[in-house]
C-alpha atoms as a PDB file:
ATOM      1  CA  MET A   1      -0.004 -26.828   0.417  1.00  0.00           C
ATOM      2  CA  ALA A   2      -1.067 -22.700   0.096  1.00  0.00           C
ATOM      3  CA  ARG A   3      -4.424 -21.762   1.522  1.00  0.00           C
ATOM      4  CA  TYR A   4      -6.877 -20.128  -1.013  1.00  0.00           C
ATOM      5  CA  LEU A   5      -7.656 -16.308  -0.755  1.00  0.00           C
ATOM      6  CA  LYS A   6     -10.319 -14.590  -2.839  1.00  0.00           C
ATOM      7  CA  ARG A   7      -8.768 -12.371  -6.062  1.00  0.00           C
ATOM      8  CA  ARG A   8     -10.056  -9.131  -7.626  1.00  0.00           C
ATOM      9  CA  ARG A   9      -9.953  -7.695 -10.828  1.00  0.00           C
ATOM     10  CA  LEU A  10      -8.179  -4.320 -10.602  1.00  0.00           C
ATOM     11  CA  GLY A  11     -10.082  -1.722 -12.063  1.00  0.00           C
ATOM     12  CA  ARG A  12     -10.764  -2.313 -15.636  1.00  0.00           C
ATOM     13  CA  THR A  13      -7.081  -4.315 -16.446  1.00  0.00           C
ATOM     14  CA  LYS A  14      -7.388  -7.868 -16.392  1.00  0.00           C
ATOM     15  CA  VAL A  15      -4.694  -8.190 -13.652  1.00  0.00           C
ATOM     16  CA  GLU A  16      -6.052 -10.065 -10.620  1.00  0.00           C
ATOM     17  CA  LEU A  17      -5.294  -9.558  -7.431  1.00  0.00           C
ATOM     18  CA  THR A  18      -5.539 -11.627  -3.747  1.00  0.00           C
ATOM     19  CA  GLU A  19      -7.844  -9.562  -1.575  1.00  0.00           C
ATOM     20  CA  LEU A  20      -4.569  -9.494   0.698  1.00  0.00           C
ATOM     21  CA  GLY A  21      -1.525  -8.436  -0.209  1.00  0.00           C
ATOM     22  CA  LEU A  22       1.423  -7.510   1.666  1.00  0.00           C
ATOM     23  CA  GLY A  23       2.986  -4.201   1.883  1.00  0.00           C
ATOM     24  CA  THR A  24       6.601  -4.333   2.062  1.00  0.00           C
ATOM     25  CA  ALA A  25       7.946  -0.764   3.245  1.00  0.00           C
ATOM     26  CA  PRO A  26       8.674  -2.507   6.931  1.00  0.00           C
ATOM     27  CA  PHE A  27      11.629  -4.318   5.012  1.00  0.00           C
ATOM     28  CA  GLY A  28      13.077  -1.380   4.335  1.00  0.00           C
ATOM     29  CA  GLU A  29      13.208  -0.984   8.302  1.00  0.00           C
ATOM     30  CA  PRO A  30      11.633   2.629   8.806  1.00  0.00           C
ATOM     31  CA  PHE A  31      10.947   1.822  12.701  1.00  0.00           C
ATOM     32  CA  VAL A  32      12.931  -1.185  13.583  1.00  0.00           C
ATOM     33  CA  ARG A  33      15.816  -3.425  12.494  1.00  0.00           C
ATOM     34  CA  LEU A  34      14.709  -6.469  11.017  1.00  0.00           C
ATOM     35  CA  GLU A  35      17.147  -9.983  10.321  1.00  0.00           C
ATOM     36  CA  ASP A  36      16.945 -11.068   6.929  1.00  0.00           C
ATOM     37  CA  ASP A  37      16.191 -14.882   8.100  1.00  0.00           C
ATOM     38  CA  GLY A  38      13.033 -13.178   9.615  1.00  0.00           C
ATOM     39  CA  VAL A  39      12.137 -11.236   6.390  1.00  0.00           C
ATOM     40  CA  ALA A  40      12.272 -14.408   4.283  1.00  0.00           C
ATOM     41  CA  ALA A  41      10.105 -16.327   7.232  1.00  0.00           C
ATOM     42  CA  ALA A  42       7.981 -13.411   6.523  1.00  0.00           C
ATOM     43  CA  ILE A  43       7.948 -13.666   2.936  1.00  0.00           C
ATOM     44  CA  GLU A  44       7.336 -17.467   3.054  1.00  0.00           C
ATOM     45  CA  ARG A  45       4.301 -17.166   5.919  1.00  0.00           C
ATOM     46  CA  ALA A  46       2.799 -14.829   3.502  1.00  0.00           C
ATOM     47  CA  TRP A  47       3.235 -17.222   0.368  1.00  0.00           C
ATOM     48  CA  THR A  48       1.934 -20.300   2.546  1.00  0.00           C
ATOM     49  CA  SER A  49      -0.796 -18.247   3.631  1.00  0.00           C
ATOM     50  CA  GLY A  50      -1.877 -17.631  -0.062  1.00  0.00           C
ATOM     51  CA  ILE A  51      -0.664 -13.927  -0.572  1.00  0.00           C
ATOM     52  CA  ARG A  52       0.073 -13.250  -4.082  1.00  0.00           C
ATOM     53  CA  TYR A  53       0.536  -9.652  -4.266  1.00  0.00           C
ATOM     54  CA  PHE A  54       3.535  -7.915  -2.928  1.00  0.00           C
ATOM     55  CA  ASP A  55       4.269  -3.994  -3.253  1.00  0.00           C
ATOM     56  CA  THR A  56       7.440  -2.495  -2.594  1.00  0.00           C
ATOM     57  CA  SER A  57       9.607   0.616  -3.980  1.00  0.00           C
ATOM     58  CA  PRO A  58      13.450   1.344  -4.267  1.00  0.00           C
ATOM     59  CA  PHE A  59      12.549   4.176  -1.330  1.00  0.00           C
ATOM     60  CA  TYR A  60      11.680   1.513   1.231  1.00  0.00           C
ATOM     61  CA  GLY A  61      15.152   1.153   2.863  1.00  0.00           C
ATOM     62  CA  HIS A  62      16.872   2.811  -0.270  1.00  0.00           C
ATOM     63  CA  GLY A  63      16.978  -0.365  -1.976  1.00  0.00           C
ATOM     64  CA  LYS A  64      16.544  -2.882   0.632  1.00  0.00           C
ATOM     65  CA  SER A  65      13.046  -3.764   0.425  1.00  0.00           C
ATOM     66  CA  GLU A  66      13.370  -4.641  -3.199  1.00  0.00           C
ATOM     67  CA  LEU A  67      16.709  -6.791  -2.650  1.00  0.00           C
ATOM     68  CA  ARG A  68      14.837  -8.606   0.270  1.00  0.00           C
ATOM     69  CA  VAL A  69      11.360  -9.199  -1.849  1.00  0.00           C
ATOM     70  CA  GLY A  70      13.648 -10.289  -4.512  1.00  0.00           C
ATOM     71  CA  ARG A  71      15.457 -12.674  -2.435  1.00  0.00           C
ATOM     72  CA  GLY A  72      12.302 -14.091  -0.711  1.00  0.00           C
ATOM     73  CA  LEU A  73      10.294 -14.816  -3.804  1.00  0.00           C
ATOM     74  CA  GLY A  74      13.133 -15.473  -6.205  1.00  0.00           C
ATOM     75  CA  GLY A  75      12.622 -19.037  -7.550  1.00  0.00           C
ATOM     76  CA  ARG A  76       8.958 -19.423  -7.719  1.00  0.00           C
ATOM     77  CA  ASP A  77       6.335 -19.533 -10.715  1.00  0.00           C
ATOM     78  CA  ARG A  78       6.888 -16.125 -12.175  1.00  0.00           C
ATOM     79  CA  ASP A  79       3.027 -16.606 -13.224  1.00  0.00           C
ATOM     80  CA  ALA A  80       1.607 -17.320  -9.828  1.00  0.00           C
ATOM     81  CA  PHE A  81       2.283 -13.668  -8.389  1.00  0.00           C
ATOM     82  CA  VAL A  82       1.753 -10.072  -9.010  1.00  0.00           C
ATOM     83  CA  LEU A  83       4.363  -7.568  -7.909  1.00  0.00           C
ATOM     84  CA  SER A  84       4.163  -3.717  -7.885  1.00  0.00           C
ATOM     85  CA  THR A  85       7.267  -1.097  -7.833  1.00  0.00           C
ATOM     86  CA  LYS A  86       7.529   2.481  -8.242  1.00  0.00           C
ATOM     87  CA  VAL A  87       9.532   5.041  -9.775  1.00  0.00           C
ATOM     88  CA  GLY A  88       9.866   8.947  -9.427  1.00  0.00           C
ATOM     89  CA  ARG A  89      13.235   8.232  -7.088  1.00  0.00           C
ATOM     90  CA  LEU A  90      16.604   7.414  -7.832  1.00  0.00           C
ATOM     91  CA  LEU A  91      19.664   5.752  -6.112  1.00  0.00           C
ATOM     92  CA  ARG A  92      22.797   6.974  -6.240  1.00  0.00           C
ATOM     93  CA  ARG A  93      26.272   7.232  -4.444  1.00  0.00           C
ATOM     94  CA  PRO A  94      26.658  10.153  -2.104  1.00  0.00           C
ATOM     95  CA  ALA A  95      29.447  12.403  -2.657  1.00  0.00           C
ATOM     96  CA  ASP A  96      30.786  12.073   0.742  1.00  0.00           C
ATOM     97  CA  PRO A  97      29.684   8.223   1.970  1.00  0.00           C
ATOM     98  CA  THR A  98      30.841   9.415   5.506  1.00  0.00           C
ATOM     99  CA  MET A  99      28.303  12.342   5.699  1.00  0.00           C
ATOM    100  CA  LEU A 100      25.383  10.422   5.187  1.00  0.00           C
ATOM    101  CA  GLU A 101      22.554  10.483   6.788  1.00  0.00           C
ATOM    102  CA  PRO A 102      20.307   7.751   7.555  1.00  0.00           C
ATOM    103  CA  GLY A 103      16.820   9.771   7.214  1.00  0.00           C
ATOM    104  CA  PHE A 104      13.560   7.893   7.751  1.00  0.00           C
ATOM    105  CA  PHE A 105      14.662   4.514   6.883  1.00  0.00           C
ATOM    106  CA  LEU A 106      17.031   3.416   9.982  1.00  0.00           C
ATOM    107  CA  GLY A 107      18.585   0.131   8.332  1.00  0.00           C
ATOM    108  CA  GLY A 108      18.734   2.059   4.866  1.00  0.00           C
ATOM    109  CA  LEU A 109      21.183   1.124   2.585  1.00  0.00           C
ATOM    110  CA  PRO A 110      23.806   3.908   1.993  1.00  0.00           C
ATOM    111  CA  PHE A 111      22.409   5.824  -0.922  1.00  0.00           C
ATOM    112  CA  GLU A 112      21.154   9.007  -1.841  1.00  0.00           C
ATOM    113  CA  VAL A 113      17.830   9.696  -2.840  1.00  0.00           C
ATOM    114  CA  ARG A 114      17.194  12.164  -5.876  1.00  0.00           C
ATOM    115  CA  PHE A 115      13.487  12.739  -7.073  1.00  0.00           C
ATOM    116  CA  ASP A 116      13.461  12.258 -11.096  1.00  0.00           C
ATOM    117  CA  TYR A 117       9.939  11.756 -12.764  1.00  0.00           C
ATOM    118  CA  SER A 118      11.311  12.343 -16.080  1.00  0.00           C
ATOM    119  CA  TYR A 119      11.695   9.898 -18.972  1.00  0.00           C
ATOM    120  CA  ASP A 120      15.139   8.885 -18.439  1.00  0.00           C
ATOM    121  CA  GLY A 121      14.575   8.714 -14.855  1.00  0.00           C
ATOM    122  CA  ILE A 122      11.382   6.115 -14.956  1.00  0.00           C
ATOM    123  CA  MET A 123      13.299   4.039 -17.296  1.00  0.00           C
ATOM    124  CA  ARG A 124      16.575   3.525 -15.464  1.00  0.00           C
ATOM    125  CA  SER A 125      14.359   3.413 -11.941  1.00  0.00           C
ATOM    126  CA  VAL A 126      12.927   0.454 -13.688  1.00  0.00           C
ATOM    127  CA  GLU A 127      16.147  -1.027 -14.770  1.00  0.00           C
ATOM    128  CA  ASP A 128      17.801  -0.413 -11.633  1.00  0.00           C
ATOM    129  CA  SER A 129      14.588  -2.455  -9.839  1.00  0.00           C
ATOM    130  CA  TYR A 130      14.615  -5.364 -11.980  1.00  0.00           C
ATOM    131  CA  GLN A 131      18.656  -5.686 -10.846  1.00  0.00           C
ATOM    132  CA  ARG A 132      17.769  -5.485  -7.155  1.00  0.00           C
ATOM    133  CA  LEU A 133      14.847  -7.382  -7.071  1.00  0.00           C
ATOM    134  CA  GLY A 134      16.483 -10.065  -9.574  1.00  0.00           C
ATOM    135  CA  MET A 135      13.652 -10.253 -11.686  1.00  0.00           C
ATOM    136  CA  ASN A 136      13.215  -9.390 -15.192  1.00  0.00           C
ATOM    137  CA  ARG A 137       9.475  -8.518 -14.981  1.00  0.00           C
ATOM    138  CA  ILE A 138       7.341  -5.978 -12.500  1.00  0.00           C
ATOM    139  CA  ASP A 139       3.746  -6.364 -13.334  1.00  0.00           C
ATOM    140  CA  LEU A 140       2.475  -2.944 -11.752  1.00  0.00           C
ATOM    141  CA  LEU A 141       4.165   0.206 -12.175  1.00  0.00           C
ATOM    142  CA  LEU A 142       3.246   3.242  -9.510  1.00  0.00           C
ATOM    143  CA  ILE A 143       4.258   7.040  -9.673  1.00  0.00           C
ATOM    144  CA  HIS A 144       5.202   7.677  -6.270  1.00  0.00           C
ATOM    145  CA  ASP A 145       4.670  10.231  -3.970  1.00  0.00           C
ATOM    146  CA  LEU A 146       3.994  13.307  -6.453  1.00  0.00           C
ATOM    147  CA  ASP A 147       1.732  14.774  -3.852  1.00  0.00           C
ATOM    148  CA  THR A 148       2.107  17.685  -1.256  1.00  0.00           C
ATOM    149  CA  TRP A 149       3.177  15.400   1.595  1.00  0.00           C
ATOM    150  CA  PHE A 150       6.891  14.767  -0.004  1.00  0.00           C
ATOM    151  CA  HIS A 151       6.435  18.113  -1.648  1.00  0.00           C
ATOM    152  CA  PRO A 152       4.951  20.406   0.473  1.00  0.00           C
ATOM    153  CA  THR A 153       5.609  23.710  -1.830  1.00  0.00           C
ATOM    154  CA  ASN A 154       3.615  24.748  -4.713  1.00  0.00           C
ATOM    155  CA  GLY A 155       6.529  25.607  -7.144  1.00  0.00           C
ATOM    156  CA  ARG A 156       8.120  22.202  -6.014  1.00  0.00           C
ATOM    157  CA  LEU A 157       4.932  19.851  -6.922  1.00  0.00           C
ATOM    158  CA  GLU A 158       4.033  22.061 -10.103  1.00  0.00           C
ATOM    159  CA  ALA A 159       7.783  21.513 -11.031  1.00  0.00           C
ATOM    160  CA  TYR A 160       7.518  18.105 -10.309  1.00  0.00           C
ATOM    161  CA  ARG A 161       4.251  17.176 -12.267  1.00  0.00           C
ATOM    162  CA  ALA A 162       5.422  19.185 -15.576  1.00  0.00           C
ATOM    163  CA  GLN A 163       8.501  16.979 -15.650  1.00  0.00           C
ATOM    164  CA  LEU A 164       5.915  13.672 -15.525  1.00  0.00           C
ATOM    165  CA  LEU A 165       3.449  14.966 -17.773  1.00  0.00           C
ATOM    166  CA  THR A 166       6.216  16.437 -20.391  1.00  0.00           C
ATOM    167  CA  SER A 167       8.749  13.469 -20.260  1.00  0.00           C
ATOM    168  CA  GLY A 168       8.121  10.820 -17.783  1.00  0.00           C
ATOM    169  CA  ALA A 169       4.090   9.617 -18.678  1.00  0.00           C
ATOM    170  CA  HIS A 170       5.622   9.119 -22.230  1.00  0.00           C
ATOM    171  CA  ALA A 171       8.135   6.441 -20.820  1.00  0.00           C
ATOM    172  CA  LEU A 172       4.843   5.003 -18.219  1.00  0.00           C
ATOM    173  CA  ASN A 173       2.856   4.838 -21.775  1.00  0.00           C
ATOM    174  CA  GLU A 174       5.234   3.258 -23.953  1.00  0.00           C
ATOM    175  CA  LEU A 175       6.082   0.638 -21.073  1.00  0.00           C
ATOM    176  CA  ARG A 176       2.208  -0.098 -20.698  1.00  0.00           C
ATOM    177  CA  SER A 177       1.467  -0.439 -24.317  1.00  0.00           C
ATOM    178  CA  SER A 178       4.401  -2.538 -24.883  1.00  0.00           C
ATOM    179  CA  GLY A 179       3.281  -5.059 -22.645  1.00  0.00           C
ATOM    180  CA  VAL A 180       6.048  -4.684 -20.274  1.00  0.00           C
ATOM    181  CA  ILE A 181       4.205  -3.380 -17.278  1.00  0.00           C
ATOM    182  CA  SER A 182       0.233  -4.766 -17.152  1.00  0.00           C
ATOM    183  CA  ALA A 183      -1.140  -1.397 -15.608  1.00  0.00           C
ATOM    184  CA  VAL A 184      -0.168   1.883 -14.203  1.00  0.00           C
ATOM    185  CA  GLY A 185      -0.978   3.740 -10.903  1.00  0.00           C
ATOM    186  CA  ALA A 186      -0.013   6.335  -8.738  1.00  0.00           C
ATOM    187  CA  GLY A 187       0.541   5.809  -4.921  1.00  0.00           C
ATOM    188  CA  ILE A 188      -1.283   8.962  -2.874  1.00  0.00           C
ATOM    189  CA  ASN A 189      -0.926   9.831   0.577  1.00  0.00           C
ATOM    190  CA  GLU A 190      -2.994  13.238   0.856  1.00  0.00           C
ATOM    191  CA  CYS A 191      -6.385  13.954   0.052  1.00  0.00           C
ATOM    192  CA  GLY A 192      -7.128  15.715  -2.940  1.00  0.00           C
ATOM    193  CA  MET A 193      -4.433  14.439  -5.196  1.00  0.00           C
ATOM    194  CA  ILE A 194      -6.429  12.115  -7.217  1.00  0.00           C
ATOM    195  CA  PRO A 195      -8.366  14.843  -9.060  1.00  0.00           C
ATOM    196  CA  TRP A 196      -4.894  16.020 -10.576  1.00  0.00           C
ATOM    197  CA  PHE A 197      -4.305  12.607 -11.742  1.00  0.00           C
ATOM    198  CA  VAL A 198      -7.216  11.739 -13.101  1.00  0.00           C
ATOM    199  CA  GLU A 199      -7.831  15.009 -15.252  1.00  0.00           C
ATOM    200  CA  ASN A 200      -4.243  14.851 -16.785  1.00  0.00           C
ATOM    201  CA  MET A 201      -3.356  11.178 -16.869  1.00  0.00           C
ATOM    202  CA  ASP A 202      -4.646   7.892 -18.020  1.00  0.00           C
ATOM    203  CA  LEU A 203      -4.016   5.297 -14.766  1.00  0.00           C
ATOM    204  CA  ASP A 204      -5.701   2.057 -14.103  1.00  0.00           C
ATOM    205  CA  PHE A 205      -5.238   2.521 -10.443  1.00  0.00           C
ATOM    206  CA  PHE A 206      -3.919   4.360  -6.988  1.00  0.00           C
ATOM    207  CA  LEU A 207      -2.467   2.974  -3.900  1.00  0.00           C
ATOM    208  CA  VAL A 208      -4.322   5.078  -1.366  1.00  0.00           C
ATOM    209  CA  ALA A 209      -2.206   4.976   1.628  1.00  0.00           C
ATOM    210  CA  LEU A 210      -3.896   6.006   5.112  1.00  0.00           C
ATOM    211  CA  ARG A 211      -6.549   7.894   3.472  1.00  0.00           C
ATOM    212  CA  TYR A 212      -9.195   5.385   3.623  1.00  0.00           C
ATOM    213  CA  SER A 213      -9.646   3.278   6.824  1.00  0.00           C
ATOM    214  CA  LEU A 214     -11.719   3.017   9.989  1.00  0.00           C
ATOM    215  CA  LEU A 215     -10.515   6.527  10.963  1.00  0.00           C
ATOM    216  CA  GLU A 216     -10.310   8.307   7.487  1.00  0.00           C
ATOM    217  CA  GLN A 217     -13.166   8.288   5.008  1.00  0.00           C
ATOM    218  CA  GLU A 218     -12.789  11.794   3.290  1.00  0.00           C
ATOM    219  CA  THR A 219     -12.019   9.893  -0.025  1.00  0.00           C
ATOM    220  CA  LEU A 220     -15.593   9.170  -0.177  1.00  0.00           C
ATOM    221  CA  ASP A 221     -16.588  12.887  -0.955  1.00  0.00           C
ATOM    222  CA  VAL A 222     -14.758  13.352  -4.474  1.00  0.00           C
ATOM    223  CA  GLU A 223     -11.643  11.128  -5.128  1.00  0.00           C
ATOM    224  CA  LEU A 224     -13.249   7.737  -4.973  1.00  0.00           C
ATOM    225  CA  PRO A 225     -16.536   8.659  -6.804  1.00  0.00           C
ATOM    226  CA  LEU A 226     -14.057   9.996  -9.497  1.00  0.00           C
ATOM    227  CA  CYS A 227     -12.281   6.677  -9.717  1.00  0.00           C
ATOM    228  CA  ALA A 228     -16.009   4.881 -10.143  1.00  0.00           C
ATOM    229  CA  GLU A 229     -16.841   6.884 -13.213  1.00  0.00           C
ATOM    230  CA  ARG A 230     -13.195   6.264 -14.504  1.00  0.00           C
ATOM    231  CA  GLY A 231     -13.290   2.628 -13.868  1.00  0.00           C
ATOM    232  CA  ILE A 232     -10.110   2.987 -11.655  1.00  0.00           C
ATOM    233  CA  GLY A 233      -9.087   0.453  -9.364  1.00  0.00           C
ATOM    234  CA  ILE A 234      -8.277   0.777  -5.915  1.00  0.00           C
ATOM    235  CA  VAL A 235      -5.305  -1.076  -3.759  1.00  0.00           C
ATOM    236  CA  ILE A 236      -5.393   0.316  -0.135  1.00  0.00           C
ATOM    237  CA  GLY A 237      -1.946   0.757   1.766  1.00  0.00           C
ATOM    238  CA  GLY A 238      -2.315   1.673   5.589  1.00  0.00           C
ATOM    239  CA  VAL A 239      -5.137  -0.081   6.560  1.00  0.00           C
ATOM    240  CA  PHE A 240      -3.595   0.315  10.371  1.00  0.00           C
ATOM    241  CA  ASN A 241      -2.665   4.080  10.025  1.00  0.00           C
ATOM    242  CA  SER A 242       0.887   2.709  10.348  1.00  0.00           C
ATOM    243  CA  GLY A 243       0.222   1.362  13.566  1.00  0.00           C
ATOM    244  CA  ILE A 244      -2.819   2.536  15.899  1.00  0.00           C
ATOM    245  CA  LEU A 245      -5.911   0.477  14.384  1.00  0.00           C
ATOM    246  CA  ALA A 246      -2.998  -2.841  14.811  1.00  0.00           C
ATOM    247  CA  THR A 247      -2.222  -1.735  18.732  1.00  0.00           C
ATOM    248  CA  GLY A 248      -4.907  -0.535  19.673  1.00  0.00           C
ATOM    249  CA  ALA A 249      -4.929   3.509  21.583  1.00  0.00           C
ATOM    250  CA  ARG A 250      -1.941   2.724  24.030  1.00  0.00           C
ATOM    251  CA  GLU A 251       0.846   5.075  24.888  1.00  0.00           C
ATOM    252  CA  GLY A 252       2.978   5.831  21.850  1.00  0.00           C
ATOM    253  CA  ALA A 253       0.791   4.652  19.419  1.00  0.00           C
ATOM    254  CA  MET A 254       1.758   5.464  16.031  1.00  0.00           C
ATOM    255  CA  TYR A 255      -0.921   7.393  13.893  1.00  0.00           C
ATOM    256  CA  ASN A 256       0.490   8.244  10.505  1.00  0.00           C
ATOM    257  CA  TYR A 257       4.041   8.143  11.136  1.00  0.00           C
ATOM    258  CA  GLU A 258       3.767  10.298  14.494  1.00  0.00           C
ATOM    259  CA  PRO A 259       2.511   9.680  17.914  1.00  0.00           C
ATOM    260  CA  ALA A 260      -1.299   9.619  18.089  1.00  0.00           C
ATOM    261  CA  GLY A 261      -2.517  12.549  19.741  1.00  0.00           C
ATOM    262  CA  ARG A 262      -5.200  12.867  22.269  1.00  0.00           C
ATOM    263  CA  GLU A 263      -8.433  13.248  19.771  1.00  0.00           C
ATOM    264  CA  ILE A 264      -7.497  10.085  17.605  1.00  0.00           C
ATOM    265  CA  LEU A 265      -6.497   8.356  21.151  1.00  0.00           C
ATOM    266  CA  GLU A 266     -10.381   8.710  22.067  1.00  0.00           C
ATOM    267  CA  HIS A 267     -11.489   8.087  18.750  1.00  0.00           C
ATOM    268  CA  VAL A 268      -9.660   4.670  18.651  1.00  0.00           C
ATOM    269  CA  SER A 269     -11.074   3.946  22.349  1.00  0.00           C
ATOM    270  CA  LYS A 270     -14.173   4.147  20.961  1.00  0.00           C
ATOM    271  CA  LEU A 271     -14.047   1.857  18.385  1.00  0.00           C
ATOM    272  CA  GLU A 272     -12.131  -0.765  20.913  1.00  0.00           C
ATOM    273  CA  ALA A 273     -15.182  -0.815  23.133  1.00  0.00           C
ATOM    274  CA  VAL A 274     -17.302  -1.306  19.843  1.00  0.00           C
ATOM    275  CA  CYS A 275     -15.280  -4.389  19.312  1.00  0.00           C
ATOM    276  CA  ARG A 276     -14.999  -5.905  22.819  1.00  0.00           C
ATOM    277  CA  SER A 277     -18.936  -5.581  23.013  1.00  0.00           C
ATOM    278  CA  HIS A 278     -19.170  -7.735  19.550  1.00  0.00           C
ATOM    279  CA  GLY A 279     -15.992  -9.854  19.963  1.00  0.00           C
ATOM    280  CA  VAL A 280     -14.278  -8.373  17.354  1.00  0.00           C
ATOM    281  CA  ASN A 281     -10.468  -7.480  17.093  1.00  0.00           C
ATOM    282  CA  LEU A 282      -9.819  -4.066  16.151  1.00  0.00           C
ATOM    283  CA  HIS A 283      -7.212  -5.328  13.488  1.00  0.00           C
ATOM    284  CA  ALA A 284      -9.853  -7.694  11.793  1.00  0.00           C
ATOM    285  CA  ALA A 285     -11.650  -4.807  11.406  1.00  0.00           C
ATOM    286  CA  ALA A 286      -9.469  -2.398  10.081  1.00  0.00           C
ATOM    287  CA  LEU A 287      -8.370  -5.008   7.649  1.00  0.00           C
ATOM    288  CA  GLN A 288     -11.762  -5.799   6.228  1.00  0.00           C
ATOM    289  CA  PHE A 289     -13.585  -2.549   6.455  1.00  0.00           C
ATOM    290  CA  PRO A 290     -11.691  -0.873   3.223  1.00  0.00           C
ATOM    291  CA  LEU A 291     -12.586  -4.607   1.253  1.00  0.00           C
ATOM    292  CA  ALA A 292     -16.278  -3.452   1.387  1.00  0.00           C
ATOM    293  CA  HIS A 293     -15.723  -0.808  -1.391  1.00  0.00           C
ATOM    294  CA  PRO A 294     -16.283  -2.083  -4.503  1.00  0.00           C
ATOM    295  CA  LEU A 295     -13.469  -0.203  -6.316  1.00  0.00           C
ATOM    296  CA  VAL A 296     -10.888  -2.153  -3.910  1.00  0.00           C
ATOM    297  CA  ALA A 297      -8.954  -5.149  -5.274  1.00  0.00           C
ATOM    298  CA  SER A 298      -6.581  -5.577  -2.414  1.00  0.00           C
ATOM    299  CA  VAL A 299      -6.028  -4.172   0.937  1.00  0.00           C
ATOM    300  CA  ILE A 300      -1.355  -4.365   1.449  1.00  0.00           C
ATOM    301  CA  PRO A 301      -0.521  -4.376   5.457  1.00  0.00           C
ATOM    302  CA  GLY A 302       2.657  -4.264   6.499  1.00  0.00           C
ATOM    303  CA  ALA A 303       4.466  -7.071   8.544  1.00  0.00           C
ATOM    304  CA  HIS A 304       7.338  -7.319  10.460  1.00  0.00           C
ATOM    305  CA  SER A 305       7.600 -11.019  10.886  1.00  0.00           C
ATOM    306  CA  ALA A 306       5.517 -14.430  10.209  1.00  0.00           C
ATOM    307  CA  ALA A 307       3.695 -14.291  13.223  1.00  0.00           C
ATOM    308  CA  HIS A 308       2.749 -10.861  12.363  1.00  0.00           C
ATOM    309  CA  ILE A 309       1.357 -12.790   9.233  1.00  0.00           C
ATOM    310  CA  GLU A 310      -0.339 -15.067  10.571  1.00  0.00           C
ATOM    311  CA  GLN A 311      -2.269 -12.612  12.994  1.00  0.00           C
ATOM    312  CA  ILE A 312      -3.172 -10.150   9.384  1.00  0.00           C
ATOM    313  CA  VAL A 313      -4.580 -13.350   7.911  1.00  0.00           C
ATOM    314  CA  ALA A 314      -6.330 -14.320  10.878  1.00  0.00           C
ATOM    315  CA  GLY A 315      -8.086 -10.975  10.956  1.00  0.00           C
ATOM    316  CA  ILE A 316      -8.778 -11.493   7.358  1.00  0.00           C
ATOM    317  CA  ASP A 317     -10.587 -14.464   8.238  1.00  0.00           C
ATOM    318  CA  GLN A 318     -12.557 -13.347  10.986  1.00  0.00           C
ATOM    319  CA  PRO A 319     -16.405 -13.460  10.932  1.00  0.00           C
ATOM    320  CA  ILE A 320     -17.732  -9.911  11.805  1.00  0.00           C
ATOM    321  CA  PRO A 321     -21.698  -9.703  12.687  1.00  0.00           C
ATOM    322  CA  GLU A 322     -23.455  -6.728  10.453  1.00  0.00           C
ATOM    323  CA  THR A 323     -24.357  -5.474  13.911  1.00  0.00           C
ATOM    324  CA  PHE A 324     -20.755  -4.323  14.457  1.00  0.00           C
ATOM    325  CA  TRP A 325     -20.707  -1.980  11.379  1.00  0.00           C
ATOM    326  CA  LEU A 326     -24.542  -0.938  12.256  1.00  0.00           C
ATOM    327  CA  GLU A 327     -23.670   0.432  15.606  1.00  0.00           C
ATOM    328  CA  LEU A 328     -20.158   1.726  13.799  1.00  0.00           C
ATOM    329  CA  LYS A 329     -22.324   4.045  11.972  1.00  0.00           C
ATOM    330  CA  GLU A 330     -25.135   4.874  14.700  1.00  0.00           C
ATOM    331  CA  ARG A 331     -22.026   6.162  16.720  1.00  0.00           C
ATOM    332  CA  GLY A 332     -20.382   8.161  14.482  1.00  0.00           C
ATOM    333  CA  LEU A 333     -17.441   6.165  14.527  1.00  0.00           C
ATOM    334  CA  ILE A 334     -17.629   5.832  10.597  1.00  0.00           C
ATOM    335  CA  ARG A 335     -19.273   7.654   7.777  1.00  0.00           C
ATOM    336  CA  PRO A 336     -23.304   6.623   7.200  1.00  0.00           C
ATOM    337  CA  ASP A 337     -22.444   6.113   3.804  1.00  0.00           C
ATOM    338  CA  ALA A 338     -19.480   3.863   3.952  1.00  0.00           C
ATOM    339  CA  PRO A 339     -20.191   0.568   2.428  1.00  0.00           C
ATOM    340  CA  VAL A 340     -19.397  -2.025   4.968  1.00  0.00           C
ATOM    341  CA  PRO A 341     -18.596  -5.706   4.885  1.00  0.00           C
ATOM    342  CA  ASP A 342     -21.950  -8.056   3.717  1.00  0.00           C
ATOM    343  CA  GLN A 343     -22.004 -11.059   5.555  1.00  0.00           C
ATOM    344  CA  HIS A 344     -23.199 -13.395   3.134  1.00  0.00           C
ATOM    345  CA  SER A 345     -20.479 -12.218   1.119  1.00  0.00           C
ATOM    346  CA  GLN A 346     -17.567 -13.105   3.489  1.00  0.00           C
ATOM    347  CA  ASP A 347     -18.813 -16.487   3.891  1.00  0.00           C
ATOM    348  CA  GLN A 348     -18.599 -17.301   0.638  1.00  0.00           C
ATOM    349  CA  ASP A 349     -15.775 -19.992  -0.473  1.00  0.00           C
ATOM    350  CA  GLY A 350     -13.254 -19.948  -2.744  1.00  0.00           C
ATOM    351  CA  PRO A 351     -13.027 -21.871  -6.272  1.00  0.00           C
END
């Protein structure tokens, strides 16, 4: 029998997410190769742990993550879980398959990726995702990586923004208004991107990757207050900042997909010292911290294995004293205005 995880409403929508979801970028093998059996075991362990929100994307492994998520969830009651995927990229056969570069994903499928935020591109992307997932229903749809991380030149970013507003947005509105999709959002990797979306589109939520964590709270200045004004929900990805908040300040630790620099290593070492003094695991603090913000419906860490899922669930469950959060603020390790978990709310049981 699966355990119970609390559910939270996503912004102003009717969608409820388990407060712990599963991000499946690792199933696309960005850093290490994974066996299919191991991925299947991880999804099974996530299910028995009570996780009922799964996020994927065509980009992750150039289709491999969606294929694996579909296999892992296939045959389960479709009303029992929430599934999100993304639009903005299309996969196609390379002109010369022998010259294909593996790119970011070590074990990615042999397809080229092309950005496309047009009406036709989004509609095709959704249909392709149905095929890879082996499902005819996707609950949440996210505009993927329309930011300066993946479009660093202003002209390129503005061109794709124009394509979205004049064409692709009509597809998203049509899918949502017809009930095919329950909610539409955008995935954000960089600070400063949310205001443009809020000003130009009617979105239900943002998936904020990396930018609201124990290490980064700059989004508290403008972006999260702006979402609060509009009733826009938040899902948090990258709660471990791509590794370091799970592994600690060790040699080779990754921070935002790059080896951590000295300043970050020193900061994390200070976090670890406070963790030790309170008997708290660093990864538990990293998981629970974003959930204290009232806009956040779910955190979606990635996982490589069933054992990793167990560690994540243990982190969500670990009691953390209020004195721990107080000391982090006193030492300037998190912002003084950052919401922190309330022990009373942590102690509340499920239904």
